PDB file of all heavy atoms in Angstrom:
ATOM      1  N   SER A   1     -37.707-164.961 -42.251  1.00  0.00           N
ATOM      2  CA  SER A   1     -36.297-164.812 -41.894  1.00  0.00           C
ATOM      3  C   SER A   1     -36.185-164.117 -40.546  1.00  0.00           C
ATOM      4  O   SER A   1     -37.176-163.631 -39.994  1.00  0.00           O
ATOM      5  CB  SER A   1     -35.570-163.984 -42.958  1.00  0.00           C
ATOM      6  OG  SER A   1     -36.039-162.640 -42.919  1.00  0.00           O
ATOM      7  N   ARG A   2     -34.984-164.050 -40.024  1.00  0.00           N
ATOM      8  CA  ARG A   2     -34.792-163.393 -38.723  1.00  0.00           C
ATOM      9  C   ARG A   2     -35.116-161.906 -38.803  1.00  0.00           C
ATOM     10  O   ARG A   2     -35.557-161.314 -37.831  1.00  0.00           O
ATOM     11  CB  ARG A   2     -33.354-163.608 -38.236  1.00  0.00           C
ATOM     12  CG  ARG A   2     -33.160-164.970 -37.585  1.00  0.00           C
ATOM     13  CD  ARG A   2     -31.713-165.255 -37.256  1.00  0.00           C
ATOM     14  NE  ARG A   2     -30.972-165.650 -38.450  1.00  0.00           N
ATOM     15  CZ  ARG A   2     -29.774-166.215 -38.418  1.00  0.00           C
ATOM     16  NH1 ARG A   2     -29.176-166.434 -37.265  1.00  0.00           N
ATOM     17  NH2 ARG A   2     -29.159-166.563 -39.532  1.00  0.00           N
ATOM     18  N   ARG A   3     -34.915-161.320 -39.963  1.00  0.00           N
ATOM     19  CA  ARG A   3     -35.290-159.915 -40.143  1.00  0.00           C
ATOM     20  C   ARG A   3     -36.776-159.770 -40.481  1.00  0.00           C
ATOM     21  O   ARG A   3     -37.383-158.745 -40.195  1.00  0.00           O
ATOM     22  CB  ARG A   3     -34.453-159.282 -41.257  1.00  0.00           C
ATOM     23  CG  ARG A   3     -33.011-159.014 -40.859  1.00  0.00           C
ATOM     24  CD  ARG A   3     -32.290-158.299 -41.966  1.00  0.00           C
ATOM     25  NE  ARG A   3     -30.890-158.056 -41.643  1.00  0.00           N
ATOM     26  CZ  ARG A   3     -30.012-157.529 -42.480  1.00  0.00           C
ATOM     27  NH1 ARG A   3     -30.401-157.169 -43.696  1.00  0.00           N
ATOM     28  NH2 ARG A   3     -28.764-157.349 -42.124  1.00  0.00           N
ATOM     29  N   GLY A   4     -37.323-160.814 -41.088  1.00  0.00           N
ATOM     30  CA  GLY A   4     -38.689-160.734 -41.575  1.00  0.00           C
ATOM     31  C   GLY A   4     -39.725-160.495 -40.501  1.00  0.00           C
ATOM     32  O   GLY A   4     -40.680-159.753 -40.712  1.00  0.00           O
ATOM     33  N   PHE A   5     -39.565-161.153 -39.330  1.00  0.00           N
ATOM     34  CA  PHE A   5     -40.584-160.965 -38.303  1.00  0.00           C
ATOM     35  C   PHE A   5     -40.320-159.712 -37.458  1.00  0.00           C
ATOM     36  O   PHE A   5     -41.128-159.355 -36.608  1.00  0.00           O
ATOM     37  CB  PHE A   5     -40.723-162.206 -37.402  1.00  0.00           C
ATOM     38  CG  PHE A   5     -39.509-162.540 -36.581  1.00  0.00           C
ATOM     39  CD1 PHE A   5     -39.246-161.895 -35.393  1.00  0.00           C
ATOM     40  CD2 PHE A   5     -38.650-163.533 -37.003  1.00  0.00           C
ATOM     41  CE1 PHE A   5     -38.144-162.213 -34.639  1.00  0.00           C
ATOM     42  CE2 PHE A   5     -37.532-163.866 -36.247  1.00  0.00           C
ATOM     43  CZ  PHE A   5     -37.282-163.207 -35.060  1.00  0.00           C
ATOM     44  N   LYS A   6     -39.192-159.042 -37.720  1.00  0.00           N
ATOM     45  CA  LYS A   6     -38.890-157.788 -37.010  1.00  0.00           C
ATOM     46  C   LYS A   6     -39.231-156.566 -37.855  1.00  0.00           C
ATOM     47  O   LYS A   6     -39.741-155.572 -37.345  1.00  0.00           O
ATOM     48  CB  LYS A   6     -37.409-157.747 -36.624  1.00  0.00           C
ATOM     49  CG  LYS A   6     -37.010-158.778 -35.580  1.00  0.00           C
ATOM     50  CD  LYS A   6     -35.514-158.678 -35.288  1.00  0.00           C
ATOM     51  CE  LYS A   6     -35.079-159.711 -34.249  1.00  0.00           C
ATOM     52  NZ  LYS A   6     -33.617-159.645 -33.997  1.00  0.00           N
ATOM     53  N   SER A   7     -38.934-156.648 -39.133  1.00  0.00           N
ATOM     54  CA  SER A   7     -39.112-155.505 -40.042  1.00  0.00           C
ATOM     55  C   SER A   7     -40.311-155.731 -40.954  1.00  0.00           C
ATOM     56  O   SER A   7     -40.349-156.712 -41.709  1.00  0.00           O
ATOM     57  CB  SER A   7     -37.847-155.308 -40.879  1.00  0.00           C
ATOM     58  OG  SER A   7     -38.092-154.473 -41.985  1.00  0.00           O
ATOM     59  N   ASN A   8     -41.275-154.819 -40.913  1.00  0.00           N
ATOM     60  CA  ASN A   8     -42.444-154.927 -41.788  1.00  0.00           C
ATOM     61  C   ASN A   8     -42.045-154.863 -43.257  1.00  0.00           C
ATOM     62  O   ASN A   8     -42.597-155.570 -44.103  1.00  0.00           O
ATOM     63  CB  ASN A   8     -43.445-153.815 -41.477  1.00  0.00           C
ATOM     64  CG  ASN A   8     -44.205-154.074 -40.193  1.00  0.00           C
ATOM     65  OD1 ASN A   8     -44.320-155.221 -39.755  1.00  0.00           O
ATOM     66  ND2 ASN A   8     -44.720-153.031 -39.576  1.00  0.00           N
ATOM     67  N   ARG A   9     -41.078-154.015 -43.565  1.00  0.00           N
ATOM     68  CA  ARG A   9     -40.635-153.856 -44.957  1.00  0.00           C
ATOM     69  C   ARG A   9     -40.101-155.182 -45.503  1.00  0.00           C
ATOM     70  O   ARG A   9     -40.467-155.612 -46.598  1.00  0.00           O
ATOM     71  CB  ARG A   9     -39.552-152.775 -45.032  1.00  0.00           C
ATOM     72  CG  ARG A   9     -39.011-152.539 -46.437  1.00  0.00           C
ATOM     73  CD  ARG A   9     -38.001-151.399 -46.412  1.00  0.00           C
ATOM     74  NE  ARG A   9     -36.905-151.673 -45.489  1.00  0.00           N
ATOM     75  CZ  ARG A   9     -35.831-152.411 -45.808  1.00  0.00           C
ATOM     76  NH1 ARG A   9     -35.707-152.914 -47.025  1.00  0.00           N
ATOM     77  NH2 ARG A   9     -34.874-152.588 -44.931  1.00  0.00           N
ATOM     78  N   VAL A  10     -39.225-155.839 -44.732  1.00  0.00           N
ATOM     79  CA  VAL A  10     -38.654-157.122 -45.161  1.00  0.00           C
ATOM     80  C   VAL A  10     -39.737-158.195 -45.206  1.00  0.00           C
ATOM     81  O   VAL A  10     -39.808-159.003 -46.141  1.00  0.00           O
ATOM     82  CB  VAL A  10     -37.515-157.553 -44.212  1.00  0.00           C
ATOM     83  CG1 VAL A  10     -36.998-158.946 -44.580  1.00  0.00           C
ATOM     84  CG2 VAL A  10     -36.382-156.540 -44.253  1.00  0.00           C
ATOM     85  N   PHE A  11     -40.612-158.190 -44.212  1.00  0.00           N
ATOM     86  CA  PHE A  11     -41.674-159.190 -44.113  1.00  0.00           C
ATOM     87  C   PHE A  11     -42.600-159.158 -45.327  1.00  0.00           C
ATOM     88  O   PHE A  11     -42.895-160.193 -45.928  1.00  0.00           O
ATOM     89  CB  PHE A  11     -42.470-158.966 -42.821  1.00  0.00           C
ATOM     90  CG  PHE A  11     -43.658-159.851 -42.661  1.00  0.00           C
ATOM     91  CD1 PHE A  11     -43.506-161.223 -42.504  1.00  0.00           C
ATOM     92  CD2 PHE A  11     -44.942-159.328 -42.679  1.00  0.00           C
ATOM     93  CE1 PHE A  11     -44.602-162.056 -42.355  1.00  0.00           C
ATOM     94  CE2 PHE A  11     -46.050-160.149 -42.529  1.00  0.00           C
ATOM     95  CZ  PHE A  11     -45.871-161.506 -42.362  1.00  0.00           C
ATOM     96  N   PHE A  12     -43.041-157.964 -45.713  1.00  0.00           N
ATOM     97  CA  PHE A  12     -43.960-157.872 -46.849  1.00  0.00           C
ATOM     98  C   PHE A  12     -43.275-158.226 -48.159  1.00  0.00           C
ATOM     99  O   PHE A  12     -43.920-158.726 -49.092  1.00  0.00           O
ATOM    100  CB  PHE A  12     -44.593-156.480 -46.905  1.00  0.00           C
ATOM    101  CG  PHE A  12     -45.613-156.255 -45.824  1.00  0.00           C
ATOM    102  CD1 PHE A  12     -45.440-155.259 -44.876  1.00  0.00           C
ATOM    103  CD2 PHE A  12     -46.743-157.064 -45.743  1.00  0.00           C
ATOM    104  CE1 PHE A  12     -46.376-155.072 -43.875  1.00  0.00           C
ATOM    105  CE2 PHE A  12     -47.678-156.879 -44.740  1.00  0.00           C
ATOM    106  CZ  PHE A  12     -47.501-155.880 -43.804  1.00  0.00           C
ATOM    107  N   ARG A  13     -41.985-157.983 -48.249  1.00  0.00           N
ATOM    108  CA  ARG A  13     -41.239-158.426 -49.428  1.00  0.00           C
ATOM    109  C   ARG A  13     -41.218-159.954 -49.503  1.00  0.00           C
ATOM    110  O   ARG A  13     -41.364-160.544 -50.577  1.00  0.00           O
ATOM    111  CB  ARG A  13     -39.803-157.904 -49.376  1.00  0.00           C
ATOM    112  CG  ARG A  13     -39.644-156.454 -49.807  1.00  0.00           C
ATOM    113  CD  ARG A  13     -38.177-156.075 -49.793  1.00  0.00           C
ATOM    114  NE  ARG A  13     -37.979-154.671 -50.137  1.00  0.00           N
ATOM    115  CZ  ARG A  13     -36.795-154.061 -50.116  1.00  0.00           C
ATOM    116  NH1 ARG A  13     -35.710-154.747 -49.757  1.00  0.00           N
ATOM    117  NH2 ARG A  13     -36.687-152.786 -50.441  1.00  0.00           N
ATOM    118  N   GLU A  14     -41.031-160.595 -48.356  1.00  0.00           N
ATOM    119  CA  GLU A  14     -40.986-162.057 -48.310  1.00  0.00           C
ATOM    120  C   GLU A  14     -42.337-162.653 -48.685  1.00  0.00           C
ATOM    121  O   GLU A  14     -42.418-163.644 -49.429  1.00  0.00           O
ATOM    122  CB  GLU A  14     -40.540-162.523 -46.928  1.00  0.00           C
ATOM    123  CG  GLU A  14     -39.086-162.200 -46.631  1.00  0.00           C
ATOM    124  CD  GLU A  14     -38.637-162.648 -45.244  1.00  0.00           C
ATOM    125  OE1 GLU A  14     -39.453-163.241 -44.504  1.00  0.00           O
ATOM    126  OE2 GLU A  14     -37.468-162.390 -44.897  1.00  0.00           O
ATOM    127  N   ILE A  15     -43.420-162.061 -48.173  1.00  0.00           N
ATOM    128  CA  ILE A  15     -44.760-162.523 -48.534  1.00  0.00           C
ATOM    129  C   ILE A  15     -44.987-162.366 -50.040  1.00  0.00           C
ATOM    130  O   ILE A  15     -45.438-163.300 -50.717  1.00  0.00           O
ATOM    131  CB  ILE A  15     -45.842-161.731 -47.762  1.00  0.00           C
ATOM    132  CG1 ILE A  15     -45.841-162.104 -46.280  1.00  0.00           C
ATOM    133  CG2 ILE A  15     -47.233-162.015 -48.348  1.00  0.00           C
ATOM    134  CD1 ILE A  15     -46.842-161.328 -45.458  1.00  0.00           C
ATOM    135  N   HIS A  16     -44.668-161.202 -50.567  1.00  0.00           N
ATOM    136  CA  HIS A  16     -44.896-160.918 -51.986  1.00  0.00           C
ATOM    137  C   HIS A  16     -44.089-161.872 -52.866  1.00  0.00           C
ATOM    138  O   HIS A  16     -44.603-162.388 -53.876  1.00  0.00           O
ATOM    139  CB  HIS A  16     -44.521-159.464 -52.286  1.00  0.00           C
ATOM    140  CG  HIS A  16     -44.688-159.082 -53.725  1.00  0.00           C
ATOM    141  ND1 HIS A  16     -45.931-158.971 -54.331  1.00  0.00           N
ATOM    142  CD2 HIS A  16     -43.765-158.795 -54.690  1.00  0.00           C
ATOM    143  CE1 HIS A  16     -45.764-158.635 -55.595  1.00  0.00           C
ATOM    144  NE2 HIS A  16     -44.472-158.527 -55.837  1.00  0.00           N
ATOM    145  N   ARG A  17     -42.852-162.121 -52.483  1.00  0.00           N
ATOM    146  CA  ARG A  17     -41.972-162.997 -53.276  1.00  0.00           C
ATOM    147  C   ARG A  17     -42.543-164.416 -53.343  1.00  0.00           C
ATOM    148  O   ARG A  17     -42.522-165.056 -54.396  1.00  0.00           O
ATOM    149  CB  ARG A  17     -40.575-162.998 -52.651  1.00  0.00           C
ATOM    150  CG  ARG A  17     -39.485-163.536 -53.560  1.00  0.00           C
ATOM    151  CD  ARG A  17     -38.136-163.386 -52.887  1.00  0.00           C
ATOM    152  NE  ARG A  17     -37.721-161.996 -52.774  1.00  0.00           N
ATOM    153  CZ  ARG A  17     -37.416-161.383 -51.632  1.00  0.00           C
ATOM    154  NH1 ARG A  17     -37.476-162.031 -50.488  1.00  0.00           N
ATOM    155  NH2 ARG A  17     -37.046-160.125 -51.619  1.00  0.00           N
ATOM    156  N   LEU A  18     -43.058-164.912 -52.211  1.00  0.00           N
ATOM    157  CA  LEU A  18     -43.607-166.268 -52.185  1.00  0.00           C
ATOM    158  C   LEU A  18     -44.953-166.340 -52.897  1.00  0.00           C
ATOM    159  O   LEU A  18     -45.225-167.291 -53.632  1.00  0.00           O
ATOM    160  CB  LEU A  18     -43.744-166.751 -50.741  1.00  0.00           C
ATOM    161  CG  LEU A  18     -44.250-168.188 -50.543  1.00  0.00           C
ATOM    162  CD1 LEU A  18     -43.363-169.183 -51.284  1.00  0.00           C
ATOM    163  CD2 LEU A  18     -44.301-168.546 -49.056  1.00  0.00           C
ATOM    164  N   LYS A  19     -45.783-165.324 -52.715  1.00  0.00           N
ATOM    165  CA  LYS A  19     -47.103-165.336 -53.344  1.00  0.00           C
ATOM    166  C   LYS A  19     -47.016-165.281 -54.862  1.00  0.00           C
ATOM    167  O   LYS A  19     -47.916-165.771 -55.557  1.00  0.00           O
ATOM    168  CB  LYS A  19     -47.939-164.164 -52.818  1.00  0.00           C
ATOM    169  CG  LYS A  19     -48.578-164.439 -51.462  1.00  0.00           C
ATOM    170  CD  LYS A  19     -49.559-163.352 -51.083  1.00  0.00           C
ATOM    171  CE  LYS A  19     -50.347-163.735 -49.835  1.00  0.00           C
ATOM    172  NZ  LYS A  19     -51.339-162.715 -49.459  1.00  0.00           N
ATOM    173  N   LYS A  20     -45.959-164.707 -55.391  1.00  0.00           N
ATOM    174  CA  LYS A  20     -45.775-164.665 -56.845  1.00  0.00           C
ATOM    175  C   LYS A  20     -45.588-166.078 -57.404  1.00  0.00           C
ATOM    176  O   LYS A  20     -45.905-166.345 -58.561  1.00  0.00           O
ATOM    177  CB  LYS A  20     -44.564-163.798 -57.202  1.00  0.00           C
ATOM    178  CG  LYS A  20     -44.860-162.301 -57.187  1.00  0.00           C
ATOM    179  CD  LYS A  20     -43.623-161.490 -57.495  1.00  0.00           C
ATOM    180  CE  LYS A  20     -43.148-161.679 -58.913  1.00  0.00           C
ATOM    181  NZ  LYS A  20     -41.973-160.816 -59.226  1.00  0.00           N
ATOM    182  N   ILE A  21     -45.053-166.974 -56.573  1.00  0.00           N
ATOM    183  CA  ILE A  21     -44.791-168.338 -57.016  1.00  0.00           C
ATOM    184  C   ILE A  21     -45.989-169.251 -56.760  1.00  0.00           C
ATOM    185  O   ILE A  21     -46.289-170.142 -57.552  1.00  0.00           O
ATOM    186  CB  ILE A  21     -43.541-168.893 -56.290  1.00  0.00           C
ATOM    187  CG1 ILE A  21     -42.315-168.070 -56.674  1.00  0.00           C
ATOM    188  CG2 ILE A  21     -43.323-170.368 -56.607  1.00  0.00           C
ATOM    189  CD1 ILE A  21     -41.081-168.393 -55.875  1.00  0.00           C
ATOM    190  N   LEU A  22     -46.699-168.999 -55.651  1.00  0.00           N
ATOM    191  CA  LEU A  22     -47.820-169.857 -55.277  1.00  0.00           C
ATOM    192  C   LEU A  22     -49.040-169.587 -56.134  1.00  0.00           C
ATOM    193  O   LEU A  22     -49.211-168.516 -56.703  1.00  0.00           O
ATOM    194  CB  LEU A  22     -48.185-169.631 -53.807  1.00  0.00           C
ATOM    195  CG  LEU A  22     -47.120-169.982 -52.769  1.00  0.00           C
ATOM    196  CD1 LEU A  22     -47.634-169.659 -51.383  1.00  0.00           C
ATOM    197  CD2 LEU A  22     -46.735-171.455 -52.864  1.00  0.00           C
ATOM    198  N   ARG A  23     -49.939-170.557 -56.161  1.00  0.00           N
ATOM    199  CA  ARG A  23     -51.214-170.362 -56.819  1.00  0.00           C
ATOM    200  C   ARG A  23     -52.082-169.449 -55.974  1.00  0.00           C
ATOM    201  O   ARG A  23     -51.956-169.385 -54.761  1.00  0.00           O
ATOM    202  CB  ARG A  23     -51.909-171.710 -57.003  1.00  0.00           C
ATOM    203  CG  ARG A  23     -51.131-172.639 -57.923  1.00  0.00           C
ATOM    204  CD  ARG A  23     -51.676-174.039 -57.828  1.00  0.00           C
ATOM    205  NE  ARG A  23     -50.913-174.937 -58.689  1.00  0.00           N
ATOM    206  CZ  ARG A  23     -50.969-176.260 -58.601  1.00  0.00           C
ATOM    207  NH1 ARG A  23     -51.733-176.821 -57.692  1.00  0.00           N
ATOM    208  NH2 ARG A  23     -50.252-177.012 -59.409  1.00  0.00           N
ATOM    209  N   SER A  24     -53.014-168.793 -56.608  1.00  0.00           N
ATOM    210  CA  SER A  24     -53.836-167.795 -55.919  1.00  0.00           C
ATOM    211  C   SER A  24     -54.696-168.410 -54.830  1.00  0.00           C
ATOM    212  O   SER A  24     -55.005-167.770 -53.832  1.00  0.00           O
ATOM    213  CB  SER A  24     -54.723-167.057 -56.931  1.00  0.00           C
ATOM    214  OG  SER A  24     -55.528-167.981 -57.633  1.00  0.00           O
ATOM    215  N   GLU A  25     -55.087-169.697 -54.991  1.00  0.00           N
ATOM    216  CA  GLU A  25     -55.976-170.301 -54.009  1.00  0.00           C
ATOM    217  C   GLU A  25     -55.242-170.718 -52.732  1.00  0.00           C
ATOM    218  O   GLU A  25     -55.868-171.107 -51.751  1.00  0.00           O
ATOM    219  CB  GLU A  25     -56.705-171.521 -54.596  1.00  0.00           C
ATOM    220  CG  GLU A  25     -55.812-172.701 -54.938  1.00  0.00           C
ATOM    221  CD  GLU A  25     -55.394-172.721 -56.394  1.00  0.00           C
ATOM    222  OE1 GLU A  25     -55.408-171.651 -57.020  1.00  0.00           O
ATOM    223  OE2 GLU A  25     -55.057-173.814 -56.888  1.00  0.00           O
ATOM    224  N   ASN A  26     -53.918-170.663 -52.758  1.00  0.00           N
ATOM    225  CA  ASN A  26     -53.154-171.061 -51.580  1.00  0.00           C
ATOM    226  C   ASN A  26     -53.085-169.891 -50.591  1.00  0.00           C
ATOM    227  O   ASN A  26     -52.346-168.943 -50.801  1.00  0.00           O
ATOM    228  CB  ASN A  26     -51.743-171.496 -52.012  1.00  0.00           C
ATOM    229  CG  ASN A  26     -50.962-172.136 -50.870  1.00  0.00           C
ATOM    230  OD1 ASN A  26     -50.755-171.518 -49.837  1.00  0.00           O
ATOM    231  ND2 ASN A  26     -50.532-173.369 -51.062  1.00  0.00           N
ATOM    232  N   GLN A  27     -53.882-169.960 -49.519  1.00  0.00           N
ATOM    233  CA  GLN A  27     -53.855-168.909 -48.505  1.00  0.00           C
ATOM    234  C   GLN A  27     -52.665-169.159 -47.582  1.00  0.00           C
ATOM    235  O   GLN A  27     -52.464-170.263 -47.096  1.00  0.00           O
ATOM    236  CB  GLN A  27     -55.152-168.877 -47.699  1.00  0.00           C
ATOM    237  CG  GLN A  27     -55.294-167.605 -46.880  1.00  0.00           C
ATOM    238  CD  GLN A  27     -56.674-167.474 -46.275  1.00  0.00           C
ATOM    239  OE1 GLN A  27     -57.515-168.339 -46.449  1.00  0.00           O
ATOM    240  NE2 GLN A  27     -56.910-166.389 -45.557  1.00  0.00           N
ATOM    241  N   LEU A  28     -51.899-168.124 -47.343  1.00  0.00           N
ATOM    242  CA  LEU A  28     -50.586-168.282 -46.740  1.00  0.00           C
ATOM    243  C   LEU A  28     -50.633-168.364 -45.216  1.00  0.00           C
ATOM    244  O   LEU A  28     -51.388-167.663 -44.556  1.00  0.00           O
ATOM    245  CB  LEU A  28     -49.713-167.088 -47.141  1.00  0.00           C
ATOM    246  CG  LEU A  28     -48.204-167.314 -47.221  1.00  0.00           C
ATOM    247  CD1 LEU A  28     -47.878-168.439 -48.180  1.00  0.00           C
ATOM    248  CD2 LEU A  28     -47.509-166.033 -47.659  1.00  0.00           C
TER     249      LEU A  28
END
């Protein structure tokens, strides 16, 4: 998101949210 690449806090939330849905073998 526009905030995601500026704020580390927002960015890591976005990564975590997507990784919860993806399979473990999918490197992001």
